[in-house]
Amino acid sequence: MTYEELLRLTRRMDGTTLETATGKRFAVGVYMDCPFFTPESSGLGRSDGRKAAERFVERYNRTGSLRPADYADVTRNASYFVALLRHGD
């Protein structure tokens, strides 16, 4: 997967409500060519920026892992990225 493919997936899911593995609901979107996530619980959009998203993609390509814990040192939004990948298939 490339960063551009991640962005295409995010755009395709834009405005969709998804769930993390623990059942937390959130919406996904793109702002300034960067994925962002809005948890229902807070209603506040969050993003770690493009560099963190690129590091997530890099690690995903290397490991293929869909466990958020495997990305905890890369981005605080790991559970959202993993849910996005799971729902995007």
N, C-alpha and C. Protein backbone atom coordinates (compact mmCIF):
# COMPACT_ATOMS: atom_id res chain seq x y z
N MET A 1 0.84 -1.17 0.00
CA MET A 1 0.00 0.00 0.00
C MET A 1 0.89 1.24 0.00
N THR A 2 0.47 2.24 -0.76
CA THR A 2 1.18 3.51 -0.75
C THR A 2 0.36 4.52 0.05
N TYR A 3 0.98 5.64 0.36
CA TYR A 3 0.26 6.69 1.05
C TYR A 3 -0.91 7.19 0.19
N GLU A 4 -0.69 7.27 -1.11
CA GLU A 4 -1.74 7.72 -2.03
C GLU A 4 -2.92 6.76 -2.02
N GLU A 5 -2.63 5.46 -1.93
CA GLU A 5 -3.71 4.46 -1.84
C GLU A 5 -4.48 4.60 -0.54
N LEU A 6 -3.76 4.89 0.55
CA LEU A 6 -4.44 5.14 1.82
C LEU A 6 -5.36 6.35 1.71
N LEU A 7 -4.88 7.41 1.06
CA LEU A 7 -5.72 8.59 0.86
C LEU A 7 -6.95 8.27 0.02
N ARG A 8 -6.79 7.48 -1.04
CA ARG A 8 -7.94 7.11 -1.87
C ARG A 8 -8.97 6.34 -1.05
N LEU A 9 -8.49 5.40 -0.24
CA LEU A 9 -9.38 4.65 0.64
C LEU A 9 -10.10 5.58 1.60
N THR A 10 -9.36 6.50 2.19
CA THR A 10 -9.94 7.45 3.14
C THR A 10 -10.99 8.31 2.46
N ARG A 11 -10.70 8.78 1.27
CA ARG A 11 -11.68 9.59 0.53
C ARG A 11 -12.92 8.78 0.19
N ARG A 12 -12.73 7.52 -0.17
CA ARG A 12 -13.87 6.66 -0.49
C ARG A 12 -14.76 6.45 0.73
N MET A 13 -14.16 6.44 1.91
CA MET A 13 -14.91 6.22 3.16
C MET A 13 -15.29 7.54 3.84
N ASP A 14 -14.97 8.66 3.21
CA ASP A 14 -15.22 9.99 3.78
C ASP A 14 -16.66 10.12 4.28
N GLY A 15 -16.80 10.51 5.53
CA GLY A 15 -18.11 10.71 6.12
C GLY A 15 -18.76 9.45 6.65
N THR A 16 -18.16 8.31 6.39
CA THR A 16 -18.70 7.04 6.86
C THR A 16 -18.38 6.86 8.33
N THR A 17 -19.31 6.28 9.07
CA THR A 17 -19.06 5.95 10.46
C THR A 17 -18.55 4.53 10.53
N LEU A 18 -17.39 4.37 11.14
CA LEU A 18 -16.74 3.07 11.30
C LEU A 18 -16.61 2.75 12.78
N GLU A 19 -16.17 1.52 13.08
CA GLU A 19 -15.93 1.12 14.46
C GLU A 19 -14.55 0.53 14.61
N THR A 20 -13.91 0.86 15.72
CA THR A 20 -12.63 0.24 16.04
C THR A 20 -12.90 -1.19 16.54
N ALA A 21 -11.85 -1.95 16.75
CA ALA A 21 -11.99 -3.33 17.25
C ALA A 21 -12.67 -3.37 18.61
N THR A 22 -12.56 -2.28 19.37
CA THR A 22 -13.19 -2.24 20.69
C THR A 22 -14.59 -1.63 20.66
N GLY A 23 -15.09 -1.35 19.46
CA GLY A 23 -16.46 -0.86 19.32
C GLY A 23 -16.64 0.64 19.38
N LYS A 24 -15.56 1.39 19.39
CA LYS A 24 -15.67 2.85 19.41
C LYS A 24 -15.97 3.35 18.00
N ARG A 25 -17.04 4.13 17.88
CA ARG A 25 -17.48 4.63 16.58
C ARG A 25 -16.80 5.96 16.26
N PHE A 26 -16.46 6.13 14.97
CA PHE A 26 -15.79 7.34 14.53
C PHE A 26 -16.08 7.58 13.06
N ALA A 27 -15.94 8.82 12.64
CA ALA A 27 -16.06 9.19 11.23
C ALA A 27 -14.66 9.44 10.69
N VAL A 28 -14.50 9.24 9.40
CA VAL A 28 -13.20 9.41 8.76
C VAL A 28 -13.32 10.48 7.68
N GLY A 29 -12.25 11.20 7.46
CA GLY A 29 -12.24 12.23 6.43
C GLY A 29 -10.82 12.57 6.02
N VAL A 30 -10.71 13.48 5.07
CA VAL A 30 -9.40 13.95 4.59
C VAL A 30 -9.39 15.46 4.68
N TYR A 31 -8.30 15.99 5.21
CA TYR A 31 -8.11 17.44 5.27
C TYR A 31 -6.67 17.72 4.87
N MET A 32 -6.50 18.55 3.86
CA MET A 32 -5.18 18.92 3.36
C MET A 32 -4.33 17.68 3.03
N ASP A 33 -4.93 16.75 2.31
CA ASP A 33 -4.27 15.50 1.89
C ASP A 33 -3.75 14.67 3.06
N CYS A 34 -4.48 14.66 4.15
CA CYS A 34 -4.11 13.88 5.32
C CYS A 34 -5.38 13.29 5.95
N PRO A 35 -5.37 11.99 6.27
CA PRO A 35 -6.53 11.40 6.94
C PRO A 35 -6.74 12.02 8.32
N PHE A 36 -8.01 12.17 8.68
CA PHE A 36 -8.32 12.56 10.06
C PHE A 36 -9.53 11.76 10.52
N PHE A 37 -9.68 11.66 11.83
CA PHE A 37 -10.70 10.83 12.43
C PHE A 37 -11.46 11.62 13.48
N THR A 38 -12.78 11.43 13.53
CA THR A 38 -13.61 12.14 14.49
C THR A 38 -14.37 11.12 15.33
N PRO A 39 -13.91 10.87 16.55
CA PRO A 39 -14.61 9.92 17.42
C PRO A 39 -16.00 10.47 17.79
N GLU A 40 -17.01 9.59 17.81
CA GLU A 40 -18.34 10.03 18.23
C GLU A 40 -18.33 10.53 19.66
N SER A 41 -17.48 9.93 20.49
CA SER A 41 -17.47 10.28 21.91
C SER A 41 -17.09 11.73 22.17
N SER A 42 -16.20 12.28 21.36
CA SER A 42 -15.77 13.66 21.60
C SER A 42 -16.27 14.63 20.53
N GLY A 43 -16.46 14.13 19.33
CA GLY A 43 -16.87 15.00 18.22
C GLY A 43 -15.76 15.89 17.71
N LEU A 44 -14.54 15.68 18.19
CA LEU A 44 -13.40 16.50 17.80
C LEU A 44 -12.50 15.74 16.84
N GLY A 45 -12.25 16.32 15.68
CA GLY A 45 -11.37 15.68 14.70
C GLY A 45 -9.95 15.60 15.21
N ARG A 46 -9.27 14.50 14.82
CA ARG A 46 -7.88 14.33 15.26
C ARG A 46 -7.05 13.72 14.15
N SER A 47 -5.82 14.19 14.08
CA SER A 47 -4.86 13.69 13.11
C SER A 47 -3.46 13.89 13.67
N ASP A 48 -2.59 12.95 13.38
CA ASP A 48 -1.18 13.10 13.77
C ASP A 48 -0.36 13.69 12.64
N GLY A 49 -1.00 13.98 11.51
CA GLY A 49 -0.30 14.56 10.38
C GLY A 49 0.17 13.52 9.38
N ARG A 50 0.63 14.01 8.27
CA ARG A 50 1.02 13.15 7.16
C ARG A 50 2.19 12.23 7.51
N LYS A 51 3.19 12.75 8.20
CA LYS A 51 4.37 11.94 8.53
C LYS A 51 3.97 10.69 9.32
N ALA A 52 3.09 10.85 10.30
CA ALA A 52 2.64 9.70 11.10
C ALA A 52 1.86 8.71 10.23
N ALA A 53 1.03 9.22 9.33
CA ALA A 53 0.28 8.35 8.43
C ALA A 53 1.23 7.60 7.50
N GLU A 54 2.26 8.28 7.03
CA GLU A 54 3.25 7.61 6.17
C GLU A 54 4.02 6.54 6.94
N ARG A 55 4.33 6.81 8.21
CA ARG A 55 5.00 5.80 9.03
C ARG A 55 4.09 4.60 9.27
N PHE A 56 2.78 4.87 9.45
CA PHE A 56 1.83 3.77 9.60
C PHE A 56 1.85 2.88 8.35
N VAL A 57 1.77 3.50 7.18
CA VAL A 57 1.79 2.75 5.92
C VAL A 57 3.09 1.95 5.79
N GLU A 58 4.19 2.57 6.11
CA GLU A 58 5.48 1.89 6.02
C GLU A 58 5.51 0.65 6.91
N ARG A 59 5.07 0.79 8.15
CA ARG A 59 5.06 -0.36 9.07
C ARG A 59 4.05 -1.41 8.61
N TYR A 60 2.89 -0.97 8.15
CA TYR A 60 1.89 -1.92 7.65
C TYR A 60 2.47 -2.74 6.49
N ASN A 61 3.15 -2.09 5.58
CA ASN A 61 3.75 -2.79 4.44
C ASN A 61 4.81 -3.79 4.89
N ARG A 62 5.51 -3.45 5.94
CA ARG A 62 6.57 -4.33 6.44
C ARG A 62 6.01 -5.51 7.23
N THR A 63 4.94 -5.28 8.01
CA THR A 63 4.45 -6.32 8.92
C THR A 63 3.12 -6.94 8.49
N GLY A 64 2.27 -6.16 7.82
CA GLY A 64 0.93 -6.65 7.47
C GLY A 64 0.01 -6.77 8.66
N SER A 65 0.43 -6.25 9.80
CA SER A 65 -0.33 -6.40 11.04
C SER A 65 -1.59 -5.53 11.04
N LEU A 66 -2.66 -6.10 11.59
CA LEU A 66 -3.89 -5.34 11.82
C LEU A 66 -4.16 -5.24 13.32
N ARG A 67 -3.09 -5.21 14.10
CA ARG A 67 -3.18 -5.02 15.54
C ARG A 67 -2.75 -3.59 15.87
N PRO A 68 -3.65 -2.76 16.38
CA PRO A 68 -3.29 -1.38 16.69
C PRO A 68 -2.06 -1.25 17.59
N ALA A 69 -1.87 -2.18 18.50
CA ALA A 69 -0.73 -2.10 19.42
C ALA A 69 0.60 -2.13 18.68
N ASP A 70 0.61 -2.71 17.49
CA ASP A 70 1.85 -2.78 16.72
C ASP A 70 2.24 -1.44 16.10
N TYR A 71 1.38 -0.45 16.25
CA TYR A 71 1.64 0.88 15.68
C TYR A 71 1.64 1.98 16.75
N ALA A 72 1.57 1.58 18.01
CA ALA A 72 1.44 2.55 19.10
C ALA A 72 2.57 3.56 19.13
N ASP A 73 3.76 3.16 18.71
CA ASP A 73 4.90 4.08 18.73
C ASP A 73 4.96 4.94 17.46
N VAL A 74 4.04 4.71 16.53
CA VAL A 74 4.03 5.41 15.25
C VAL A 74 2.97 6.51 15.22
N THR A 75 1.77 6.18 15.76
CA THR A 75 0.66 7.14 15.74
C THR A 75 -0.32 6.83 16.87
N ARG A 76 -0.89 7.86 17.44
CA ARG A 76 -1.91 7.67 18.48
C ARG A 76 -3.25 7.26 17.86
N ASN A 77 -3.33 7.31 16.53
CA ASN A 77 -4.57 6.96 15.83
C ASN A 77 -4.53 5.57 15.21
N ALA A 78 -3.68 4.70 15.73
CA ALA A 78 -3.50 3.37 15.16
C ALA A 78 -4.82 2.60 15.07
N SER A 79 -5.64 2.66 16.10
CA SER A 79 -6.90 1.90 16.07
C SER A 79 -7.82 2.39 14.95
N TYR A 80 -7.76 3.68 14.64
CA TYR A 80 -8.58 4.22 13.55
C TYR A 80 -8.04 3.79 12.19
N PHE A 81 -6.73 3.85 12.02
CA PHE A 81 -6.13 3.41 10.75
C PHE A 81 -6.43 1.93 10.50
N VAL A 82 -6.29 1.10 11.52
CA VAL A 82 -6.54 -0.33 11.37
C VAL A 82 -8.01 -0.57 11.02
N ALA A 83 -8.91 0.13 11.69
CA ALA A 83 -10.35 -0.03 11.39
C ALA A 83 -10.64 0.41 9.95
N LEU A 84 -10.00 1.47 9.51
CA LEU A 84 -10.16 1.94 8.14
C LEU A 84 -9.74 0.86 7.15
N LEU A 85 -8.59 0.25 7.39
CA LEU A 85 -8.12 -0.82 6.51
C LEU A 85 -9.07 -2.01 6.52
N ARG A 86 -9.54 -2.39 7.70
CA ARG A 86 -10.46 -3.53 7.80
C ARG A 86 -11.78 -3.27 7.07
N HIS A 87 -12.31 -2.08 7.20
CA HIS A 87 -13.59 -1.75 6.56
C HIS A 87 -13.44 -1.47 5.07
N GLY A 88 -12.23 -1.15 4.66
CA GLY A 88 -11.99 -0.80 3.26
C GLY A 88 -11.88 -1.99 2.34
N ASP A 89 -11.76 -3.17 2.89
CA ASP A 89 -11.64 -4.37 2.05
C ASP A 89 -12.96 -4.80 1.45
